[in-house]
Amino acid sequence: SLLANFGIEGVHYDMVDGEPIYKPEILESGRAVNSQ
């Protein structure tokens, strides 16, 4: 489920306090997250 929703841990997101958090390069790219 995490893979289907967020991509690959350590590449596209990190687990922070038990939550999957996108890396800054995903959230701050200026592009829609769903498109990425």
PDB file of all heavy atoms in Angstrom:
ATOM      1  N   SER A   1       0.817  -1.203   0.000  1.00  0.00           N
ATOM      2  CA  SER A   1       0.000   0.000   0.000  1.00  0.00           C
ATOM      3  C   SER A   1       0.856   1.259   0.000  1.00  0.00           C
ATOM      4  O   SER A   1       0.587   2.215  -0.731  1.00  0.00           O
ATOM      5  CB  SER A   1      -0.936   0.000   1.215  1.00  0.00           C
ATOM      6  OG  SER A   1      -1.685   1.188   1.275  1.00  0.00           O
ATOM      7  N   LEU A   2       1.900   1.265   0.805  1.00  0.00           N
ATOM      8  CA  LEU A   2       2.806   2.415   0.817  1.00  0.00           C
ATOM      9  C   LEU A   2       3.487   2.576  -0.542  1.00  0.00           C
ATOM     10  O   LEU A   2       3.635   3.697  -1.047  1.00  0.00           O
ATOM     11  CB  LEU A   2       3.851   2.251   1.918  1.00  0.00           C
ATOM     12  CG  LEU A   2       3.345   2.428   3.350  1.00  0.00           C
ATOM     13  CD1 LEU A   2       4.397   1.983   4.362  1.00  0.00           C
ATOM     14  CD2 LEU A   2       2.941   3.883   3.605  1.00  0.00           C
ATOM     15  N   LEU A   3       3.881   1.481  -1.147  1.00  0.00           N
ATOM     16  CA  LEU A   3       4.526   1.524  -2.453  1.00  0.00           C
ATOM     17  C   LEU A   3       3.569   2.073  -3.509  1.00  0.00           C
ATOM     18  O   LEU A   3       3.930   2.930  -4.323  1.00  0.00           O
ATOM     19  CB  LEU A   3       5.000   0.125  -2.843  1.00  0.00           C
ATOM     20  CG  LEU A   3       5.762  -0.026  -4.170  1.00  0.00           C
ATOM     21  CD1 LEU A   3       7.064   0.759  -4.141  1.00  0.00           C
ATOM     22  CD2 LEU A   3       6.030  -1.511  -4.440  1.00  0.00           C
ATOM     23  N   ALA A   4       2.324   1.606  -3.488  1.00  0.00           N
ATOM     24  CA  ALA A   4       1.326   2.046  -4.480  1.00  0.00           C
ATOM     25  C   ALA A   4       0.976   3.514  -4.318  1.00  0.00           C
ATOM     26  O   ALA A   4       0.640   4.184  -5.295  1.00  0.00           O
ATOM     27  CB  ALA A   4       0.062   1.198  -4.357  1.00  0.00           C
ATOM     28  N   ASN A   5       1.052   4.011  -3.094  1.00  0.00           N
ATOM     29  CA  ASN A   5       0.616   5.381  -2.836  1.00  0.00           C
ATOM     30  C   ASN A   5       1.734   6.406  -2.883  1.00  0.00           C
ATOM     31  O   ASN A   5       1.536   7.516  -3.385  1.00  0.00           O
ATOM     32  CB  ASN A   5      -0.051   5.449  -1.460  1.00  0.00           C
ATOM     33  CG  ASN A   5      -1.479   4.953  -1.472  1.00  0.00           C
ATOM     34  OD1 ASN A   5      -2.374   5.669  -1.885  1.00  0.00           O
ATOM     35  ND2 ASN A   5      -1.695   3.714  -1.033  1.00  0.00           N
ATOM     36  N   PHE A   6       2.919   6.038  -2.369  1.00  0.00           N
ATOM     37  CA  PHE A   6       3.964   7.036  -2.165  1.00  0.00           C
ATOM     38  C   PHE A   6       5.248   6.785  -2.944  1.00  0.00           C
ATOM     39  O   PHE A   6       6.136   7.621  -2.930  1.00  0.00           O
ATOM     40  CB  PHE A   6       4.318   7.110  -0.667  1.00  0.00           C
ATOM     41  CG  PHE A   6       3.154   7.463   0.206  1.00  0.00           C
ATOM     42  CD1 PHE A   6       2.439   6.480   0.873  1.00  0.00           C
ATOM     43  CD2 PHE A   6       2.747   8.776   0.354  1.00  0.00           C
ATOM     44  CE1 PHE A   6       1.353   6.794   1.670  1.00  0.00           C
ATOM     45  CE2 PHE A   6       1.666   9.107   1.147  1.00  0.00           C
ATOM     46  CZ  PHE A   6       0.959   8.112   1.810  1.00  0.00           C
ATOM     47  N   GLY A   7       5.356   5.653  -3.602  1.00  0.00           N
ATOM     48  CA  GLY A   7       6.601   5.338  -4.280  1.00  0.00           C
ATOM     49  C   GLY A   7       7.532   4.548  -3.391  1.00  0.00           C
ATOM     50  O   GLY A   7       7.094   3.755  -2.551  1.00  0.00           O
ATOM     51  N   ILE A   8       8.812   4.773  -3.541  1.00  0.00           N
ATOM     52  CA  ILE A   8       9.829   3.963  -2.871  1.00  0.00           C
ATOM     53  C   ILE A   8      10.396   4.711  -1.668  1.00  0.00           C
ATOM     54  O   ILE A   8      10.832   5.864  -1.790  1.00  0.00           O
ATOM     55  CB  ILE A   8      10.956   3.601  -3.855  1.00  0.00           C
ATOM     56  CG1 ILE A   8      10.371   2.804  -5.032  1.00  0.00           C
ATOM     57  CG2 ILE A   8      12.055   2.807  -3.156  1.00  0.00           C
ATOM     58  CD1 ILE A   8      11.334   2.607  -6.169  1.00  0.00           C
ATOM     59  N   GLU A   9      10.374   4.037  -0.517  1.00  0.00           N
ATOM     60  CA  GLU A   9      10.904   4.655   0.691  1.00  0.00           C
ATOM     61  C   GLU A   9      12.384   4.961   0.513  1.00  0.00           C
ATOM     62  O   GLU A   9      13.161   4.159  -0.012  1.00  0.00           O
ATOM     63  CB  GLU A   9      10.710   3.731   1.902  1.00  0.00           C
ATOM     64  CG  GLU A   9      11.165   4.350   3.217  1.00  0.00           C
ATOM     65  CD  GLU A   9      10.916   3.473   4.429  1.00  0.00           C
ATOM     66  OE1 GLU A   9      10.381   2.349   4.250  1.00  0.00           O
ATOM     67  OE2 GLU A   9      11.260   3.908   5.552  1.00  0.00           O
ATOM     68  N   GLY A  10      12.789   6.144   0.945  1.00  0.00           N
ATOM     69  CA  GLY A  10      14.172   6.570   0.814  1.00  0.00           C
ATOM     70  C   GLY A  10      14.470   7.250  -0.505  1.00  0.00           C
ATOM     71  O   GLY A  10      15.484   7.938  -0.627  1.00  0.00           O
ATOM     72  N   VAL A  11      13.597   7.048  -1.490  1.00  0.00           N
ATOM     73  CA  VAL A  11      13.776   7.687  -2.795  1.00  0.00           C
ATOM     74  C   VAL A  11      12.731   8.789  -2.995  1.00  0.00           C
ATOM     75  O   VAL A  11      13.061   9.927  -3.325  1.00  0.00           O
ATOM     76  CB  VAL A  11      13.679   6.658  -3.936  1.00  0.00           C
ATOM     77  CG1 VAL A  11      13.809   7.346  -5.295  1.00  0.00           C
ATOM     78  CG2 VAL A  11      14.733   5.575  -3.771  1.00  0.00           C
ATOM     79  N   HIS A  12      11.478   8.439  -2.764  1.00  0.00           N
ATOM     80  CA  HIS A  12      10.389   9.391  -2.967  1.00  0.00           C
ATOM     81  C   HIS A  12       9.791   9.880  -1.653  1.00  0.00           C
ATOM     82  O   HIS A  12       9.193  10.959  -1.621  1.00  0.00           O
ATOM     83  CB  HIS A  12       9.294   8.752  -3.815  1.00  0.00           C
ATOM     84  CG  HIS A  12       9.812   8.202  -5.112  1.00  0.00           C
ATOM     85  ND1 HIS A  12       9.889   6.854  -5.367  1.00  0.00           N
ATOM     86  CD2 HIS A  12      10.306   8.827  -6.208  1.00  0.00           C
ATOM     87  CE1 HIS A  12      10.401   6.669  -6.576  1.00  0.00           C
ATOM     88  NE2 HIS A  12      10.662   7.834  -7.100  1.00  0.00           N
ATOM     89  N   TYR A  13       9.916   9.109  -0.599  1.00  0.00           N
ATOM     90  CA  TYR A  13       9.384   9.510   0.700  1.00  0.00           C
ATOM     91  C   TYR A  13      10.236   8.891   1.798  1.00  0.00           C
ATOM     92  O   TYR A  13      11.014   7.950   1.574  1.00  0.00           O
ATOM     93  CB  TYR A  13       7.923   9.074   0.855  1.00  0.00           C
ATOM     94  CG  TYR A  13       7.734   7.594   1.130  1.00  0.00           C
ATOM     95  CD1 TYR A  13       7.610   7.110   2.446  1.00  0.00           C
ATOM     96  CD2 TYR A  13       7.697   6.663   0.104  1.00  0.00           C
ATOM     97  CE1 TYR A  13       7.444   5.757   2.704  1.00  0.00           C
ATOM     98  CE2 TYR A  13       7.535   5.310   0.356  1.00  0.00           C
ATOM     99  CZ  TYR A  13       7.404   4.859   1.647  1.00  0.00           C
ATOM    100  OH  TYR A  13       7.256   3.519   1.903  1.00  0.00           O
ATOM    101  N   ASP A  14      10.083   9.416   3.011  1.00  0.00           N
ATOM    102  CA  ASP A  14      10.712   8.862   4.207  1.00  0.00           C
ATOM    103  C   ASP A  14       9.637   8.630   5.264  1.00  0.00           C
ATOM    104  O   ASP A  14       8.618   9.332   5.292  1.00  0.00           O
ATOM    105  CB  ASP A  14      11.762   9.824   4.767  1.00  0.00           C
ATOM    106  CG  ASP A  14      12.938  10.027   3.826  1.00  0.00           C
ATOM    107  OD1 ASP A  14      13.538   9.025   3.392  1.00  0.00           O
ATOM    108  OD2 ASP A  14      13.243  11.201   3.509  1.00  0.00           O
ATOM    109  N   MET A  15       9.863   7.656   6.118  1.00  0.00           N
ATOM    110  CA  MET A  15       8.976   7.458   7.262  1.00  0.00           C
ATOM    111  C   MET A  15       9.463   8.346   8.403  1.00  0.00           C
ATOM    112  O   MET A  15      10.604   8.226   8.854  1.00  0.00           O
ATOM    113  CB  MET A  15       8.968   5.996   7.695  1.00  0.00           C
ATOM    114  CG  MET A  15       8.358   5.044   6.677  1.00  0.00           C
ATOM    115  SD  MET A  15       6.621   5.397   6.259  1.00  0.00           S
ATOM    116  CE  MET A  15       5.806   5.010   7.810  1.00  0.00           C
ATOM    117  N   VAL A  16       8.583   9.256   8.840  1.00  0.00           N
ATOM    118  CA  VAL A  16       8.927  10.201   9.894  1.00  0.00           C
ATOM    119  C   VAL A  16       7.880  10.059  11.000  1.00  0.00           C
ATOM    120  O   VAL A  16       6.701  10.342  10.785  1.00  0.00           O
ATOM    121  CB  VAL A  16       8.940  11.650   9.370  1.00  0.00           C
ATOM    122  CG1 VAL A  16       9.287  12.617  10.499  1.00  0.00           C
ATOM    123  CG2 VAL A  16       9.917  11.789   8.200  1.00  0.00           C
ATOM    124  N   ASP A  17       8.316   9.595  12.165  1.00  0.00           N
ATOM    125  CA  ASP A  17       7.386   9.370  13.278  1.00  0.00           C
ATOM    126  C   ASP A  17       6.205   8.508  12.854  1.00  0.00           C
ATOM    127  O   ASP A  17       5.053   8.760  13.219  1.00  0.00           O
ATOM    128  CB  ASP A  17       6.880  10.701  13.836  1.00  0.00           C
ATOM    129  CG  ASP A  17       7.987  11.544  14.444  1.00  0.00           C
ATOM    130  OD1 ASP A  17       8.986  10.958  14.915  1.00  0.00           O
ATOM    131  OD2 ASP A  17       7.863  12.784  14.427  1.00  0.00           O
ATOM    132  N   GLY A  18       6.493   7.489  12.050  1.00  0.00           N
ATOM    133  CA  GLY A  18       5.462   6.557  11.625  1.00  0.00           C
ATOM    134  C   GLY A  18       4.601   7.035  10.475  1.00  0.00           C
ATOM    135  O   GLY A  18       3.651   6.341  10.091  1.00  0.00           O
ATOM    136  N   GLU A  19       4.914   8.202   9.892  1.00  0.00           N
ATOM    137  CA  GLU A  19       4.131   8.738   8.786  1.00  0.00           C
ATOM    138  C   GLU A  19       4.976   8.781   7.513  1.00  0.00           C
ATOM    139  O   GLU A  19       6.142   9.177   7.557  1.00  0.00           O
ATOM    140  CB  GLU A  19       3.646  10.162   9.100  1.00  0.00           C
ATOM    141  CG  GLU A  19       2.786  10.279  10.337  1.00  0.00           C
ATOM    142  CD  GLU A  19       1.379   9.757  10.113  1.00  0.00           C
ATOM    143  OE1 GLU A  19       1.050   9.436   8.961  1.00  0.00           O
ATOM    144  OE2 GLU A  19       0.623   9.654  11.101  1.00  0.00           O
ATOM    145  N   PRO A  20       4.405   8.409   6.360  1.00  0.00           N
ATOM    146  CA  PRO A  20       5.135   8.537   5.095  1.00  0.00           C
ATOM    147  C   PRO A  20       5.115   9.990   4.628  1.00  0.00           C
ATOM    148  O   PRO A  20       4.056  10.555   4.350  1.00  0.00           O
ATOM    149  CB  PRO A  20       4.334   7.635   4.148  1.00  0.00           C
ATOM    150  CG  PRO A  20       2.947   7.626   4.705  1.00  0.00           C
ATOM    151  CD  PRO A  20       3.074   7.800   6.196  1.00  0.00           C
ATOM    152  N   ILE A  21       6.278  10.613   4.561  1.00  0.00           N
ATOM    153  CA  ILE A  21       6.390  12.024   4.216  1.00  0.00           C
ATOM    154  C   ILE A  21       7.215  12.163   2.936  1.00  0.00           C
ATOM    155  O   ILE A  21       8.359  11.698   2.864  1.00  0.00           O
ATOM    156  CB  ILE A  21       7.068  12.824   5.352  1.00  0.00           C
ATOM    157  CG1 ILE A  21       6.308  12.615   6.669  1.00  0.00           C
ATOM    158  CG2 ILE A  21       7.151  14.297   4.984  1.00  0.00           C
ATOM    159  CD1 ILE A  21       4.884  13.074   6.647  1.00  0.00           C
ATOM    160  N   TYR A  22       6.621  12.790   1.932  1.00  0.00           N
ATOM    161  CA  TYR A  22       7.339  12.993   0.683  1.00  0.00           C
ATOM    162  C   TYR A  22       8.601  13.804   0.904  1.00  0.00           C
ATOM    163  O   TYR A  22       8.646  14.715   1.735  1.00  0.00           O
ATOM    164  CB  TYR A  22       6.456  13.727  -0.329  1.00  0.00           C
ATOM    165  CG  TYR A  22       5.424  12.866  -0.994  1.00  0.00           C
ATOM    166  CD1 TYR A  22       4.075  13.181  -0.892  1.00  0.00           C
ATOM    167  CD2 TYR A  22       5.787  11.740  -1.737  1.00  0.00           C
ATOM    168  CE1 TYR A  22       3.112  12.394  -1.513  1.00  0.00           C
ATOM    169  CE2 TYR A  22       4.842  10.954  -2.345  1.00  0.00           C
ATOM    170  CZ  TYR A  22       3.505  11.272  -2.234  1.00  0.00           C
ATOM    171  OH  TYR A  22       2.571  10.499  -2.847  1.00  0.00           O
ATOM    172  N   LYS A  23       9.601  13.492   0.129  1.00  0.00           N
ATOM    173  CA  LYS A  23      10.845  14.245   0.183  1.00  0.00           C
ATOM    174  C   LYS A  23      10.620  15.654  -0.365  1.00  0.00           C
ATOM    175  O   LYS A  23       9.726  15.884  -1.183  1.00  0.00           O
ATOM    176  CB  LYS A  23      11.926  13.530  -0.613  1.00  0.00           C
ATOM    177  CG  LYS A  23      12.471  12.290   0.085  1.00  0.00           C
ATOM    178  CD  LYS A  23      13.586  11.650  -0.689  1.00  0.00           C
ATOM    179  CE  LYS A  23      14.258  10.542   0.118  1.00  0.00           C
ATOM    180  NZ  LYS A  23      15.021  11.073   1.270  1.00  0.00           N
ATOM    181  N   PRO A  24      11.424  16.627   0.066  1.00  0.00           N
ATOM    182  CA  PRO A  24      11.249  18.001  -0.403  1.00  0.00           C
ATOM    183  C   PRO A  24      11.283  18.132  -1.926  1.00  0.00           C
ATOM    184  O   PRO A  24      10.567  18.960  -2.486  1.00  0.00           O
ATOM    185  CB  PRO A  24      12.423  18.743   0.253  1.00  0.00           C
ATOM    186  CG  PRO A  24      12.715  17.950   1.482  1.00  0.00           C
ATOM    187  CD  PRO A  24      12.464  16.521   1.099  1.00  0.00           C
ATOM    188  N   GLU A  25      12.106  17.313  -2.571  1.00  0.00           N
ATOM    189  CA  GLU A  25      12.189  17.434  -4.029  1.00  0.00           C
ATOM    190  C   GLU A  25      10.898  17.025  -4.723  1.00  0.00           C
ATOM    191  O   GLU A  25      10.665  17.387  -5.882  1.00  0.00           O
ATOM    192  CB  GLU A  25      13.355  16.601  -4.581  1.00  0.00           C
ATOM    193  CG  GLU A  25      13.437  15.185  -4.093  1.00  0.00           C
ATOM    194  CD  GLU A  25      14.375  15.028  -2.896  1.00  0.00           C
ATOM    195  OE1 GLU A  25      14.362  15.917  -2.013  1.00  0.00           O
ATOM    196  OE2 GLU A  25      15.117  14.032  -2.861  1.00  0.00           O
ATOM    197  N   ILE A  26      10.040  16.277  -4.031  1.00  0.00           N
ATOM    198  CA  ILE A  26       8.716  15.951  -4.569  1.00  0.00           C
ATOM    199  C   ILE A  26       7.733  17.082  -4.266  1.00  0.00           C
ATOM    200  O   ILE A  26       7.037  17.589  -5.153  1.00  0.00           O
ATOM    201  CB  ILE A  26       8.180  14.640  -3.967  1.00  0.00           C
ATOM    202  CG1 ILE A  26       9.079  13.448  -4.347  1.00  0.00           C
ATOM    203  CG2 ILE A  26       6.739  14.392  -4.404  1.00  0.00           C
ATOM    204  CD1 ILE A  26       9.023  13.064  -5.801  1.00  0.00           C
ATOM    205  N   LEU A  27       7.685  17.504  -2.997  1.00  0.00           N
ATOM    206  CA  LEU A  27       6.713  18.509  -2.579  1.00  0.00           C
ATOM    207  C   LEU A  27       7.040  19.902  -3.107  1.00  0.00           C
ATOM    208  O   LEU A  27       6.135  20.724  -3.298  1.00  0.00           O
ATOM    209  CB  LEU A  27       6.628  18.555  -1.055  1.00  0.00           C
ATOM    210  CG  LEU A  27       5.995  17.350  -0.361  1.00  0.00           C
ATOM    211  CD1 LEU A  27       6.102  17.488   1.152  1.00  0.00           C
ATOM    212  CD2 LEU A  27       4.538  17.190  -0.772  1.00  0.00           C
ATOM    213  N   GLU A  28       8.323  20.187  -3.337  1.00  0.00           N
ATOM    214  CA  GLU A  28       8.725  21.545  -3.693  1.00  0.00           C
ATOM    215  C   GLU A  28       9.200  21.664  -5.139  1.00  0.00           C
ATOM    216  O   GLU A  28       9.863  22.634  -5.501  1.00  0.00           O
ATOM    217  CB  GLU A  28       9.838  22.000  -2.740  1.00  0.00           C
ATOM    218  CG  GLU A  28       9.408  21.998  -1.278  1.00  0.00           C
ATOM    219  CD  GLU A  28      10.560  22.195  -0.301  1.00  0.00           C
ATOM    220  OE1 GLU A  28      11.679  22.508  -0.794  1.00  0.00           O
ATOM    221  OE2 GLU A  28      10.345  22.031   0.911  1.00  0.00           O
ATOM    222  N   SER A  29       8.809  20.713  -5.959  1.00  0.00           N
ATOM    223  CA  SER A  29       9.282  20.711  -7.345  1.00  0.00           C
ATOM    224  C   SER A  29       8.557  21.717  -8.229  1.00  0.00           C
ATOM    225  O   SER A  29       9.011  22.027  -9.333  1.00  0.00           O
ATOM    226  CB  SER A  29       9.106  19.313  -7.952  1.00  0.00           C
ATOM    227  OG  SER A  29       7.725  19.019  -8.127  1.00  0.00           O
ATOM    228  N   GLY A  30       7.405  22.202  -7.758  1.00  0.00           N
ATOM    229  CA  GLY A  30       6.591  23.071  -8.596  1.00  0.00           C
ATOM    230  C   GLY A  30       5.673  22.311  -9.530  1.00  0.00           C
ATOM    231  O   GLY A  30       4.930  22.912 -10.308  1.00  0.00           O
ATOM    232  N   ARG A  31       5.699  20.982  -9.455  1.00  0.00           N
ATOM    233  CA  ARG A  31       4.847  20.133 -10.276  1.00  0.00           C
ATOM    234  C   ARG A  31       3.831  19.420  -9.392  1.00  0.00           C
ATOM    235  O   ARG A  31       4.090  19.172  -8.207  1.00  0.00           O
ATOM    236  CB  ARG A  31       5.683  19.100 -11.045  1.00  0.00           C
ATOM    237  CG  ARG A  31       6.687  19.707 -12.004  1.00  0.00           C
ATOM    238  CD  ARG A  31       7.455  18.618 -12.717  1.00  0.00           C
ATOM    239  NE  ARG A  31       6.532  17.769 -13.463  1.00  0.00           N
ATOM    240  CZ  ARG A  31       6.584  16.431 -13.449  1.00  0.00           C
ATOM    241  NH1 ARG A  31       7.475  15.799 -12.723  1.00  0.00           N
ATOM    242  NH2 ARG A  31       5.719  15.743 -14.152  1.00  0.00           N
ATOM    243  N   ALA A  32       2.698  19.090  -9.968  1.00  0.00           N
ATOM    244  CA  ALA A  32       1.669  18.395  -9.207  1.00  0.00           C
ATOM    245  C   ALA A  32       2.213  17.067  -8.690  1.00  0.00           C
ATOM    246  O   ALA A  32       2.837  16.302  -9.444  1.00  0.00           O
ATOM    247  CB  ALA A  32       0.444  18.158 -10.080  1.00  0.00           C
ATOM    248  N   VAL A  33       1.961  16.786  -7.423  1.00  0.00           N
ATOM    249  CA  VAL A  33       2.467  15.552  -6.822  1.00  0.00           C
ATOM    250  C   VAL A  33       1.859  14.333  -7.503  1.00  0.00           C
ATOM    251  O   VAL A  33       2.562  13.344  -7.761  1.00  0.00           O
ATOM    252  CB  VAL A  33       2.179  15.522  -5.310  1.00  0.00           C
ATOM    253  CG1 VAL A  33       2.519  14.160  -4.714  1.00  0.00           C
ATOM    254  CG2 VAL A  33       2.967  16.615  -4.599  1.00  0.00           C
ATOM    255  N   ASN A  34       0.568  14.394  -7.832  1.00  0.00           N
ATOM    256  CA  ASN A  34      -0.036  13.218  -8.466  1.00  0.00           C
ATOM    257  C   ASN A  34       0.603  12.934  -9.818  1.00  0.00           C
ATOM    258  O   ASN A  34       0.797  11.766 -10.182  1.00  0.00           O
ATOM    259  CB  ASN A  34      -1.554  13.375  -8.575  1.00  0.00           C
ATOM    260  CG  ASN A  34      -1.989  14.632  -9.285  1.00  0.00           C
ATOM    261  OD1 ASN A  34      -1.183  15.504  -9.595  1.00  0.00           O
ATOM    262  ND2 ASN A  34      -3.279  14.742  -9.547  1.00  0.00           N
ATOM    263  N   SER A  35       0.957  13.959 -10.578  1.00  0.00           N
ATOM    264  CA  SER A  35       1.626  13.732 -11.862  1.00  0.00           C
ATOM    265  C   SER A  35       2.980  13.067 -11.665  1.00  0.00           C
ATOM    266  O   SER A  35       3.365  12.181 -12.436  1.00  0.00           O
ATOM    267  CB  SER A  35       1.800  15.062 -12.603  1.00  0.00           C
ATOM    268  OG  SER A  35       0.558  15.622 -12.950  1.00  0.00           O
ATOM    269  N   GLN A  36       3.692  13.466 -10.632  1.00  0.00           N
ATOM    270  CA  GLN A  36       4.976  12.842 -10.342  1.00  0.00           C
ATOM    271  C   GLN A  36       4.800  11.384  -9.952  1.00  0.00           C
ATOM    272  O   GLN A  36       5.621  10.528 -10.317  1.00  0.00           O
ATOM    273  CB  GLN A  36       5.684  13.604  -9.230  1.00  0.00           C
ATOM    274  CG  GLN A  36       6.065  15.024  -9.597  1.00  0.00           C
ATOM    275  CD  GLN A  36       6.743  15.731  -8.442  1.00  0.00           C
ATOM    276  OE1 GLN A  36       7.898  15.434  -8.103  1.00  0.00           O
ATOM    277  NE2 GLN A  36       6.026  16.656  -7.814  1.00  0.00           N
TER     278      GLN A  36
END
